[in-house]
C-alpha cells in the first residue's frame, strides 16, 4: 500500500508542476477536464454501490416503467385520477425501497 501512496504523491507533484506551466486558458481547460474525470469516477463508484444492493436493478427498471406510464398519459388517453395516483404511489414505494436498501448497505 505504501508504494501506491508514493506513486499517488509522485503523480500529484508532477501534475502540479505541469499545471503551473500552463497559460490561464489552458489551466482552466485542465481544471474542467479534471472535474469531468472526477465526476466519472464518482458515478462509477455510485453505480457499483447501487448494483451491489440486492434487487436494485430490477427495482430501478420497475420505477422507470411506472414513470414512463405516467409520462405517456396523453390528452387522448387520459387515465383516471385513481390510476394516476396508484402509479405514482407505486413509484414512490419503489424509491423508498431503493433508499432503504442504500441506507442499509
PDB file of N, CA and C in Angstrom:
ATOM      1  N   UNK A   1       0.840  -1.204   0.000  1.00  0.00           N
ATOM      2  CA  UNK A   1       0.000   0.000   0.000  1.00  0.00           C
ATOM      3  C   UNK A   1       0.876   1.255   0.000  1.00  0.00           C
ATOM      4  N   UNK A   2       2.022   1.163   0.629  1.00  0.00           N
ATOM      5  CA  UNK A   2       2.928   2.304   0.713  1.00  0.00           C
ATOM      6  C   UNK A   2       3.406   2.724  -0.676  1.00  0.00           C
ATOM      7  N   UNK A   3       3.671   1.739  -1.548  1.00  0.00           N
ATOM      8  CA  UNK A   3       4.127   2.032  -2.903  1.00  0.00           C
ATOM      9  C   UNK A   3       3.042   2.784  -3.675  1.00  0.00           C
ATOM     10  N   UNK A   4       1.792   2.395  -3.462  1.00  0.00           N
ATOM     11  CA  UNK A   4       0.676   3.069  -4.131  1.00  0.00           C
ATOM     12  C   UNK A   4       0.579   4.521  -3.675  1.00  0.00           C
ATOM     13  N   UNK A   5       0.710   4.756  -2.380  1.00  0.00           N
ATOM     14  CA  UNK A   5       0.657   6.124  -1.840  1.00  0.00           C
ATOM     15  C   UNK A   5       1.803   6.961  -2.399  1.00  0.00           C
ATOM     16  N   UNK A   6       2.978   6.347  -2.534  1.00  0.00           N
ATOM     17  CA  UNK A   6       4.134   7.068  -3.061  1.00  0.00           C
ATOM     18  C   UNK A   6       3.913   7.426  -4.535  1.00  0.00           C
ATOM     19  N   UNK A   7       3.362   6.479  -5.310  1.00  0.00           N
ATOM     20  CA  UNK A   7       3.059   6.753  -6.719  1.00  0.00           C
ATOM     21  C   UNK A   7       2.049   7.886  -6.814  1.00  0.00           C
ATOM     22  N   UNK A   8       1.030   7.831  -5.954  1.00  0.00           N
ATOM     23  CA  UNK A   8      -0.008   8.863  -5.940  1.00  0.00           C
ATOM     24  C   UNK A   8       0.620  10.233  -5.690  1.00  0.00           C
ATOM     25  N   UNK A   9       1.491  10.300  -4.707  1.00  0.00           N
ATOM     26  CA  UNK A   9       2.175  11.545  -4.365  1.00  0.00           C
ATOM     27  C   UNK A   9       3.053  12.036  -5.522  1.00  0.00           C
ATOM     28  N   UNK A  10       3.729  11.108  -6.170  1.00  0.00           N
ATOM     29  CA  UNK A  10       4.589  11.457  -7.309  1.00  0.00           C
ATOM     30  C   UNK A  10       3.749  12.034  -8.449  1.00  0.00           C
ATOM     31  N   UNK A  11       2.619  11.380  -8.738  1.00  0.00           N
ATOM     32  CA  UNK A  11       1.735  11.874  -9.803  1.00  0.00           C
ATOM     33  C   UNK A  11       1.181  13.255  -9.460  1.00  0.00           C
ATOM     34  N   UNK A  12       0.812  13.463  -8.199  1.00  0.00           N
ATOM     35  CA  UNK A  12       0.302  14.768  -7.790  1.00  0.00           C
ATOM     36  C   UNK A  12       1.364  15.854  -7.973  1.00  0.00           C
ATOM     37  N   UNK A  13       2.591  15.548  -7.605  1.00  0.00           N
ATOM     38  CA  UNK A  13       3.684  16.514  -7.758  1.00  0.00           C
ATOM     39  C   UNK A  13       3.921  16.829  -9.222  1.00  0.00           C
ATOM     40  N   UNK A  14       3.915  15.784 -10.062  1.00  0.00           N
ATOM     41  CA  UNK A  14       4.118  16.009 -11.493  1.00  0.00           C
ATOM     42  C   UNK A  14       2.976  16.823 -12.084  1.00  0.00           C
ATOM     43  N   UNK A  15       1.755  16.505 -11.678  1.00  0.00           N
ATOM     44  CA  UNK A  15       0.591  17.244 -12.175  1.00  0.00           C
ATOM     45  C   UNK A  15       0.677  18.714 -11.780  1.00  0.00           C
ATOM     46  N   UNK A  16       1.024  18.967 -10.526  1.00  0.00           N
ATOM     47  CA  UNK A  16       1.136  20.349 -10.057  1.00  0.00           C
ATOM     48  C   UNK A  16       2.208  21.099 -10.848  1.00  0.00           C
ATOM     49  N   UNK A  17       3.347  20.457 -11.073  1.00  0.00           N
ATOM     50  CA  UNK A  17       4.426  21.080 -11.826  1.00  0.00           C
ATOM     51  C   UNK A  17       3.968  21.436 -13.244  1.00  0.00           C
ATOM     52  N   UNK A  18       3.280  20.513 -13.882  1.00  0.00           N
ATOM     53  CA  UNK A  18       2.800  20.764 -15.250  1.00  0.00           C
ATOM     54  C   UNK A  18       1.708  21.834 -15.264  1.00  0.00           C
ATOM     55  N   UNK A  19       0.813  21.809 -14.296  1.00  0.00           N
ATOM     56  CA  UNK A  19      -0.270  22.796 -14.238  1.00  0.00           C
ATOM     57  C   UNK A  19       0.289  24.213 -14.072  1.00  0.00           C
ATOM     58  N   UNK A  20       1.345  24.349 -13.285  1.00  0.00           N
ATOM     59  CA  UNK A  20       1.941  25.671 -13.050  1.00  0.00           C
ATOM     60  C   UNK A  20       2.536  26.265 -14.324  1.00  0.00           C
ATOM     61  N   UNK A  21       2.835  25.424 -15.312  1.00  0.00           N
ATOM     62  CA  UNK A  21       3.454  25.895 -16.553  1.00  0.00           C
ATOM     63  C   UNK A  21       2.421  26.276 -17.617  1.00  0.00           C
ATOM     64  N   UNK A  22       1.157  26.033 -17.352  1.00  0.00           N
ATOM     65  CA  UNK A  22       0.122  26.303 -18.349  1.00  0.00           C
ATOM     66  C   UNK A  22      -0.349  27.756 -18.311  1.00  0.00           C
ATOM     67  N   UNK A  23      -0.806  28.223 -19.471  1.00  0.00           N
ATOM     68  CA  UNK A  23      -1.432  29.546 -19.529  1.00  0.00           C
ATOM     69  C   UNK A  23      -2.760  29.468 -18.785  1.00  0.00           C
ATOM     70  N   UNK A  24      -3.324  30.617 -18.455  1.00  0.00           N
ATOM     71  CA  UNK A  24      -4.582  30.662 -17.709  1.00  0.00           C
ATOM     72  C   UNK A  24      -5.683  29.923 -18.466  1.00  0.00           C
ATOM     73  N   UNK A  25      -5.750  30.112 -19.770  1.00  0.00           N
ATOM     74  CA  UNK A  25      -6.789  29.470 -20.579  1.00  0.00           C
ATOM     75  C   UNK A  25      -6.638  27.942 -20.560  1.00  0.00           C
ATOM     76  N   UNK A  26      -5.414  27.472 -20.709  1.00  0.00           N
ATOM     77  CA  UNK A  26      -5.160  26.029 -20.702  1.00  0.00           C
ATOM     78  C   UNK A  26      -5.365  25.451 -19.293  1.00  0.00           C
ATOM     79  N   UNK A  27      -5.037  26.227 -18.272  1.00  0.00           N
ATOM     80  CA  UNK A  27      -5.240  25.795 -16.891  1.00  0.00           C
ATOM     81  C   UNK A  27      -6.732  25.623 -16.619  1.00  0.00           C
ATOM     82  N   UNK A  28      -7.532  26.560 -17.103  1.00  0.00           N
ATOM     83  CA  UNK A  28      -8.983  26.475 -16.928  1.00  0.00           C
ATOM     84  C   UNK A  28      -9.518  25.207 -17.619  1.00  0.00           C
ATOM     85  N   UNK A  29      -8.994  24.901 -18.805  1.00  0.00           N
ATOM     86  CA  UNK A  29      -9.383  23.696 -19.525  1.00  0.00           C
ATOM     87  C   UNK A  29      -8.980  22.443 -18.745  1.00  0.00           C
ATOM     88  N   UNK A  30      -7.767  22.455 -18.190  1.00  0.00           N
ATOM     89  CA  UNK A  30      -7.277  21.308 -17.411  1.00  0.00           C
ATOM     90  C   UNK A  30      -8.163  21.074 -16.184  1.00  0.00           C
ATOM     91  N   UNK A  31      -8.555  22.139 -15.519  1.00  0.00           N
ATOM     92  CA  UNK A  31      -9.407  22.023 -14.327  1.00  0.00           C
ATOM     93  C   UNK A  31     -10.778  21.448 -14.714  1.00  0.00           C
ATOM     94  N   UNK A  32     -11.307  21.908 -15.847  1.00  0.00           N
ATOM     95  CA  UNK A  32     -12.599  21.386 -16.311  1.00  0.00           C
ATOM     96  C   UNK A  32     -12.478  19.898 -16.627  1.00  0.00           C
ATOM     97  N   UNK A  33     -11.373  19.496 -17.239  1.00  0.00           N
ATOM     98  CA  UNK A  33     -11.162  18.090 -17.566  1.00  0.00           C
ATOM     99  C   UNK A  33     -11.026  17.255 -16.292  1.00  0.00           C
ATOM    100  N   UNK A  34     -10.304  17.780 -15.312  1.00  0.00           N
ATOM    101  CA  UNK A  34     -10.155  17.072 -14.033  1.00  0.00           C
ATOM    102  C   UNK A  34     -11.512  16.905 -13.348  1.00  0.00           C
ATOM    103  N   UNK A  35     -12.339  17.937 -13.406  1.00  0.00           N
ATOM    104  CA  UNK A  35     -13.676  17.861 -12.807  1.00  0.00           C
ATOM    105  C   UNK A  35     -14.500  16.786 -13.512  1.00  0.00           C
ATOM    106  N   UNK A  36     -14.365  16.718 -14.841  1.00  0.00           N
ATOM    107  CA  UNK A  36     -15.057  15.697 -15.630  1.00  0.00           C
ATOM    108  C   UNK A  36     -14.607  14.295 -15.206  1.00  0.00           C
ATOM    109  N   UNK A  37     -13.295  14.090 -15.082  1.00  0.00           N
ATOM    110  CA  UNK A  37     -12.769  12.784 -14.668  1.00  0.00           C
ATOM    111  C   UNK A  37     -13.251  12.407 -13.273  1.00  0.00           C
ATOM    112  N   UNK A  38     -13.267  13.390 -12.374  1.00  0.00           N
ATOM    113  CA  UNK A  38     -13.727  13.139 -11.009  1.00  0.00           C
ATOM    114  C   UNK A  38     -15.196  12.731 -11.002  1.00  0.00           C
ATOM    115  N   UNK A  39     -16.010  13.404 -11.817  1.00  0.00           N
ATOM    116  CA  UNK A  39     -17.432  13.082 -11.881  1.00  0.00           C
ATOM    117  C   UNK A  39     -17.636  11.658 -12.404  1.00  0.00           C
ATOM    118  N   UNK A  40     -16.866  11.276 -13.423  1.00  0.00           N
ATOM    119  CA  UNK A  40     -16.956   9.914 -13.957  1.00  0.00           C
ATOM    120  C   UNK A  40     -16.619   8.904 -12.864  1.00  0.00           C
ATOM    121  N   UNK A  41     -15.556   9.168 -12.135  1.00  0.00           N
ATOM    122  CA  UNK A  41     -15.140   8.239 -11.074  1.00  0.00           C
ATOM    123  C   UNK A  41     -16.211   8.134  -9.995  1.00  0.00           C
ATOM    124  N   UNK A  42     -16.786   9.261  -9.591  1.00  0.00           N
ATOM    125  CA  UNK A  42     -17.839   9.242  -8.569  1.00  0.00           C
ATOM    126  C   UNK A  42     -19.055   8.466  -9.060  1.00  0.00           C
ATOM    127  N   UNK A  43     -19.408   8.648 -10.344  1.00  0.00           N
ATOM    128  CA  UNK A  43     -20.549   7.923 -10.901  1.00  0.00           C
ATOM    129  C   UNK A  43     -20.288   6.425 -10.937  1.00  0.00           C
ATOM    130  N   UNK A  44     -19.054   6.033 -11.268  1.00  0.00           N
ATOM    131  CA  UNK A  44     -18.696   4.615 -11.293  1.00  0.00           C
ATOM    132  C   UNK A  44     -18.797   4.011  -9.899  1.00  0.00           C
ATOM    133  N   UNK A  45     -18.324   4.737  -8.904  1.00  0.00           N
ATOM    134  CA  UNK A  45     -18.390   4.246  -7.523  1.00  0.00           C
ATOM    135  C   UNK A  45     -19.848   4.120  -7.095  1.00  0.00           C
ATOM    136  N   UNK A  46     -20.650   5.132  -7.388  1.00  0.00           N
ATOM    137  CA  UNK A  46     -22.065   5.109  -7.023  1.00  0.00           C
ATOM    138  C   UNK A  46     -22.761   3.933  -7.699  1.00  0.00           C
ATOM    139  N   UNK A  47     -22.456   3.736  -8.980  1.00  0.00           N
ATOM    140  CA  UNK A  47     -23.067   2.637  -9.721  1.00  0.00           C
ATOM    141  C   UNK A  47     -22.711   1.291  -9.092  1.00  0.00           C
ATOM    142  N   UNK A  48     -21.451   1.106  -8.707  1.00  0.00           N
ATOM    143  CA  UNK A  48     -21.034  -0.153  -8.080  1.00  0.00           C
ATOM    144  C   UNK A  48     -21.772  -0.372  -6.765  1.00  0.00           C
ATOM    145  N   UNK A  49     -21.901   0.691  -5.967  1.00  0.00           N
ATOM    146  CA  UNK A  49     -22.604   0.587  -4.682  1.00  0.00           C
ATOM    147  C   UNK A  49     -24.065   0.206  -4.920  1.00  0.00           C
ATOM    148  N   UNK A  50     -24.709   0.897  -5.869  1.00  0.00           N
ATOM    149  CA  UNK A  50     -26.125   0.635  -6.123  1.00  0.00           C
ATOM    150  C   UNK A  50     -26.350  -0.772  -6.665  1.00  0.00           C
ATOM    151  N   UNK A  51     -25.473  -1.219  -7.571  1.00  0.00           N
ATOM    152  CA  UNK A  51     -25.645  -2.542  -8.154  1.00  0.00           C
ATOM    153  C   UNK A  51     -25.375  -3.660  -7.150  1.00  0.00           C
ATOM    154  N   UNK A  52     -24.697  -3.354  -6.045  1.00  0.00           N
ATOM    155  CA  UNK A  52     -24.476  -4.345  -5.003  1.00  0.00           C
ATOM    156  C   UNK A  52     -25.673  -4.490  -4.066  1.00  0.00           C
ATOM    157  N   UNK A  53     -26.629  -3.578  -4.181  1.00  0.00           N
ATOM    158  CA  UNK A  53     -27.835  -3.673  -3.363  1.00  0.00           C
ATOM    159  C   UNK A  53     -28.725  -4.751  -3.995  1.00  0.00           C
ATOM    160  N   UNK A  54     -29.151  -5.741  -3.218  1.00  0.00           N
ATOM    161  CA  UNK A  54     -29.980  -6.814  -3.779  1.00  0.00           C
ATOM    162  C   UNK A  54     -31.219  -6.265  -4.489  1.00  0.00           C
ATOM    163  N   UNK A  55     -31.459  -6.755  -5.686  1.00  0.00           N
ATOM    164  CA  UNK A  55     -32.644  -6.416  -6.493  1.00  0.00           C
ATOM    165  C   UNK A  55     -32.711  -4.949  -6.912  1.00  0.00           C
ATOM    166  N   UNK A  56     -31.602  -4.200  -6.793  1.00  0.00           N
ATOM    167  CA  UNK A  56     -31.660  -2.788  -7.152  1.00  0.00           C
ATOM    168  C   UNK A  56     -32.001  -2.600  -8.630  1.00  0.00           C
ATOM    169  N   UNK A  57     -31.315  -3.339  -9.498  1.00  0.00           N
ATOM    170  CA  UNK A  57     -31.523  -3.173 -10.942  1.00  0.00           C
ATOM    171  C   UNK A  57     -32.980  -3.428 -11.305  1.00  0.00           C
ATOM    172  N   UNK A  58     -33.564  -4.493 -10.756  1.00  0.00           N
ATOM    173  CA  UNK A  58     -34.966  -4.817 -11.027  1.00  0.00           C
ATOM    174  C   UNK A  58     -35.885  -3.708 -10.510  1.00  0.00           C
ATOM    175  N   UNK A  59     -35.636  -3.251  -9.297  1.00  0.00           N
ATOM    176  CA  UNK A  59     -36.462  -2.172  -8.729  1.00  0.00           C
ATOM    177  C   UNK A  59     -36.365  -0.914  -9.578  1.00  0.00           C
ATOM    178  N   UNK A  60     -35.143  -0.603 -10.032  1.00  0.00           N
ATOM    179  CA  UNK A  60     -34.953   0.603 -10.825  1.00  0.00           C
ATOM    180  C   UNK A  60     -35.713   0.497 -12.150  1.00  0.00           C
ATOM    181  N   UNK A  61     -35.664  -0.679 -12.790  1.00  0.00           N
ATOM    182  CA  UNK A  61     -36.406  -0.874 -14.051  1.00  0.00           C
ATOM    183  C   UNK A  61     -37.903  -0.691 -13.819  1.00  0.00           C
ATOM    184  N   UNK A  62     -38.409  -1.219 -12.715  1.00  0.00           N
ATOM    185  CA  UNK A  62     -39.832  -1.073 -12.408  1.00  0.00           C
ATOM    186  C   UNK A  62     -40.197   0.393 -12.189  1.00  0.00           C
ATOM    187  N   UNK A  63     -39.321   1.129 -11.516  1.00  0.00           N
ATOM    188  CA  UNK A  63     -39.556   2.561 -11.304  1.00  0.00           C
ATOM    189  C   UNK A  63     -39.618   3.277 -12.652  1.00  0.00           C
ATOM    190  N   UNK A  64     -38.656   2.982 -13.515  1.00  0.00           N
ATOM    191  CA  UNK A  64     -38.629   3.631 -14.834  1.00  0.00           C
ATOM    192  C   UNK A  64     -39.892   3.321 -15.628  1.00  0.00           C
ATOM    193  N   UNK A  65     -40.340   2.055 -15.573  1.00  0.00           N
ATOM    194  CA  UNK A  65     -41.550   1.676 -16.309  1.00  0.00           C
ATOM    195  C   UNK A  65     -42.771   2.421 -15.770  1.00  0.00           C
ATOM    196  N   UNK A  66     -42.871   2.526 -14.451  1.00  0.00           N
ATOM    197  CA  UNK A  66     -44.011   3.234 -13.863  1.00  0.00           C
ATOM    198  C   UNK A  66     -43.961   4.721 -14.182  1.00  0.00           C
ATOM    199  N   UNK A  67     -42.758   5.312 -14.171  1.00  0.00           N
ATOM    200  CA  UNK A  67     -42.638   6.731 -14.516  1.00  0.00           C
ATOM    201  C   UNK A  67     -43.000   6.939 -15.981  1.00  0.00           C
ATOM    202  N   UNK A  68     -42.633   5.971 -16.829  1.00  0.00           N
ATOM    203  CA  UNK A  68     -42.971   6.054 -18.249  1.00  0.00           C
ATOM    204  C   UNK A  68     -44.479   6.028 -18.435  1.00  0.00           C
ATOM    205  N   UNK A  69     -45.166   5.185 -17.657  1.00  0.00           N
ATOM    206  CA  UNK A  69     -46.629   5.132 -17.731  1.00  0.00           C
ATOM    207  C   UNK A  69     -47.223   6.503 -17.431  1.00  0.00           C
ATOM    208  N   UNK A  70     -46.673   7.167 -16.408  1.00  0.00           N
ATOM    209  CA  UNK A  70     -47.179   8.499 -16.059  1.00  0.00           C
ATOM    210  C   UNK A  70     -46.930   9.495 -17.184  1.00  0.00           C
ATOM    211  N   UNK A  71     -45.719   9.444 -17.771  1.00  0.00           N
ATOM    212  CA  UNK A  71     -45.359  10.390 -18.828  1.00  0.00           C
ATOM    213  C   UNK A  71     -46.145  10.146 -20.105  1.00  0.00           C
ATOM    214  N   UNK A  72     -46.520   8.895 -20.371  1.00  0.00           N
ATOM    215  CA  UNK A  72     -47.198   8.557 -21.620  1.00  0.00           C
ATOM    216  C   UNK A  72     -48.703   8.779 -21.572  1.00  0.00           C
ATOM    217  N   UNK A  73     -49.197   9.330 -20.496  1.00  0.00           N
ATOM    218  CA  UNK A  73     -50.612   9.637 -20.408  1.00  0.00           C
ATOM    219  C   UNK A  73     -50.854  10.927 -21.191  1.00  0.00           C
ATOM    220  N   UNK A  74     -51.413  10.783 -22.410  1.00  0.00           N
ATOM    221  CA  UNK A  74     -51.645  11.948 -23.275  1.00  0.00           C
ATOM    222  C   UNK A  74     -53.089  12.399 -23.159  1.00  0.00           C
ATOM    223  N   UNK A  75     -53.408  13.503 -23.814  1.00  0.00           N
ATOM    224  CA  UNK A  75     -54.774  14.037 -23.748  1.00  0.00           C
ATOM    225  C   UNK A  75     -55.762  13.081 -24.407  1.00  0.00           C
ATOM    226  N   UNK A  76     -55.294  12.235 -25.342  1.00  0.00           N
ATOM    227  CA  UNK A  76     -56.182  11.269 -25.989  1.00  0.00           C
ATOM    228  C   UNK A  76     -56.400  10.041 -25.118  1.00  0.00           C
ATOM    229  N   UNK A  77     -55.615   9.943 -24.110  1.00  0.00           N
ATOM    230  CA  UNK A  77     -55.562   8.711 -23.344  1.00  0.00           C
ATOM    231  C   UNK A  77     -55.478   9.075 -21.860  1.00  0.00           C
ATOM    232  N   UNK A  78     -56.478   9.781 -21.385  1.00  0.00           N
ATOM    233  CA  UNK A  78     -56.462  10.276 -20.014  1.00  0.00           C
ATOM    234  C   UNK A  78     -56.724   9.122 -19.050  1.00  0.00           C
ATOM    235  N   UNK A  79     -55.818   8.960 -18.131  1.00  0.00           N
ATOM    236  CA  UNK A  79     -56.010   7.943 -17.094  1.00  0.00           C
ATOM    237  C   UNK A  79     -56.879   8.547 -16.007  1.00  0.00           C
ATOM    238  N   UNK A  80     -57.586   7.694 -15.318  1.00  0.00           N
ATOM    239  CA  UNK A  80     -58.410   8.198 -14.221  1.00  0.00           C
ATOM    240  C   UNK A  80     -57.479   8.690 -13.120  1.00  0.00           C
ATOM    241  N   UNK A  81     -57.991   9.579 -12.292  1.00  0.00           N
ATOM    242  CA  UNK A  81     -57.209  10.092 -11.165  1.00  0.00           C
ATOM    243  C   UNK A  81     -56.712   8.947 -10.299  1.00  0.00           C
ATOM    244  N   UNK A  82     -57.564   7.936 -10.146  1.00  0.00           N
ATOM    245  CA  UNK A  82     -57.204   6.791  -9.315  1.00  0.00           C
ATOM    246  C   UNK A  82     -56.019   6.029  -9.919  1.00  0.00           C
ATOM    247  N   UNK A  83     -56.011   5.845 -11.260  1.00  0.00           N
ATOM    248  CA  UNK A  83     -54.900   5.146 -11.933  1.00  0.00           C
ATOM    249  C   UNK A  83     -53.597   5.924 -11.793  1.00  0.00           C
ATOM    250  N   UNK A  84     -53.688   7.234 -11.965  1.00  0.00           N
ATOM    251  CA  UNK A  84     -52.502   8.083 -11.859  1.00  0.00           C
ATOM    252  C   UNK A  84     -51.957   8.030 -10.433  1.00  0.00           C
ATOM    253  N   UNK A  85     -52.847   8.149  -9.459  1.00  0.00           N
ATOM    254  CA  UNK A  85     -52.434   8.104  -8.059  1.00  0.00           C
ATOM    255  C   UNK A  85     -51.809   6.745  -7.733  1.00  0.00           C
ATOM    256  N   UNK A  86     -52.430   5.678  -8.221  1.00  0.00           N
ATOM    257  CA  UNK A  86     -51.921   4.327  -7.961  1.00  0.00           C
ATOM    258  C   UNK A  86     -50.506   4.156  -8.543  1.00  0.00           C
ATOM    259  N   UNK A  87     -50.295   4.620  -9.759  1.00  0.00           N
ATOM    260  CA  UNK A  87     -48.977   4.514 -10.395  1.00  0.00           C
ATOM    261  C   UNK A  87     -47.967   5.381  -9.661  1.00  0.00           C
ATOM    262  N   UNK A  88     -48.376   6.595  -9.286  1.00  0.00           N
ATOM    263  CA  UNK A  88     -47.489   7.492  -8.544  1.00  0.00           C
ATOM    264  C   UNK A  88     -47.065   6.860  -7.219  1.00  0.00           C
ATOM    265  N   UNK A  89     -48.012   6.300  -6.501  1.00  0.00           N
ATOM    266  CA  UNK A  89     -47.702   5.675  -5.206  1.00  0.00           C
ATOM    267  C   UNK A  89     -46.790   4.467  -5.383  1.00  0.00           C
ATOM    268  N   UNK A  90     -46.967   3.722  -6.473  1.00  0.00           N
ATOM    269  CA  UNK A  90     -46.092   2.579  -6.744  1.00  0.00           C
ATOM    270  C   UNK A  90     -44.659   3.047  -6.980  1.00  0.00           C
ATOM    271  N   UNK A  91     -44.509   4.151  -7.731  1.00  0.00           N
ATOM    272  CA  UNK A  91     -43.179   4.720  -7.980  1.00  0.00           C
ATOM    273  C   UNK A  91     -42.558   5.175  -6.662  1.00  0.00           C
ATOM    274  N   UNK A  92     -43.322   5.893  -5.849  1.00  0.00           N
ATOM    275  CA  UNK A  92     -42.824   6.368  -4.557  1.00  0.00           C
ATOM    276  C   UNK A  92     -42.404   5.211  -3.660  1.00  0.00           C
ATOM    277  N   UNK A  93     -43.197   4.157  -3.639  1.00  0.00           N
ATOM    278  CA  UNK A  93     -42.892   2.992  -2.801  1.00  0.00           C
ATOM    279  C   UNK A  93     -41.577   2.351  -3.244  1.00  0.00           C
ATOM    280  N   UNK A  94     -41.382   2.223  -4.560  1.00  0.00           N
ATOM    281  CA  UNK A  94     -40.146   1.626  -5.073  1.00  0.00           C
ATOM    282  C   UNK A  94     -38.944   2.488  -4.702  1.00  0.00           C
ATOM    283  N   UNK A  95     -39.064   3.815  -4.833  1.00  0.00           N
ATOM    284  CA  UNK A  95     -37.954   4.703  -4.466  1.00  0.00           C
ATOM    285  C   UNK A  95     -37.637   4.560  -2.977  1.00  0.00           C
ATOM    286  N   UNK A  96     -38.674   4.439  -2.145  1.00  0.00           N
ATOM    287  CA  UNK A  96     -38.440   4.252  -0.708  1.00  0.00           C
ATOM    288  C   UNK A  96     -37.653   2.971  -0.456  1.00  0.00           C
ATOM    289  N   UNK A  97     -38.003   1.891  -1.191  1.00  0.00           N
ATOM    290  CA  UNK A  97     -37.273   0.635  -1.056  1.00  0.00           C
ATOM    291  C   UNK A  97     -35.810   0.806  -1.455  1.00  0.00           C
ATOM    292  N   UNK A  98     -35.590   1.515  -2.563  1.00  0.00           N
ATOM    293  CA  UNK A  98     -34.228   1.739  -3.043  1.00  0.00           C
ATOM    294  C   UNK A  98     -33.434   2.517  -2.007  1.00  0.00           C
ATOM    295  N   UNK A  99     -34.001   3.579  -1.467  1.00  0.00           N
ATOM    296  CA  UNK A  99     -33.284   4.397  -0.477  1.00  0.00           C
ATOM    297  C   UNK A  99     -33.035   3.605   0.803  1.00  0.00           C
ATOM    298  N   UNK A 100     -33.994   2.763   1.202  1.00  0.00           N
ATOM    299  CA  UNK A 100     -33.808   1.932   2.392  1.00  0.00           C
ATOM    300  C   UNK A 100     -32.653   0.949   2.176  1.00  0.00           C
ATOM    301  N   UNK A 101     -32.634   0.317   1.000  1.00  0.00           N
ATOM    302  CA  UNK A 101     -31.551  -0.622   0.711  1.00  0.00           C
ATOM    303  C   UNK A 101     -30.201   0.085   0.663  1.00  0.00           C
ATOM    304  N   UNK A 102     -30.196   1.286   0.093  1.00  0.00           N
ATOM    305  CA  UNK A 102     -28.959   2.064   0.025  1.00  0.00           C
ATOM    306  C   UNK A 102     -28.465   2.405   1.430  1.00  0.00           C
ATOM    307  N   UNK A 103     -29.393   2.786   2.286  1.00  0.00           N
ATOM    308  CA  UNK A 103     -29.022   3.132   3.664  1.00  0.00           C
ATOM    309  C   UNK A 103     -28.517   1.902   4.426  1.00  0.00           C
ATOM    310  N   UNK A 104     -29.075   0.742   4.109  1.00  0.00           N
ATOM    311  CA  UNK A 104     -28.686  -0.495   4.789  1.00  0.00           C
ATOM    312  C   UNK A 104     -27.356  -1.058   4.293  1.00  0.00           C
ATOM    313  N   UNK A 105     -26.932  -0.619   3.089  1.00  0.00           N
ATOM    314  CA  UNK A 105     -25.690  -1.211   2.526  1.00  0.00           C
ATOM    315  C   UNK A 105     -24.449  -0.564   3.069  1.00  0.00           C
TER     316      UNK A 105
END
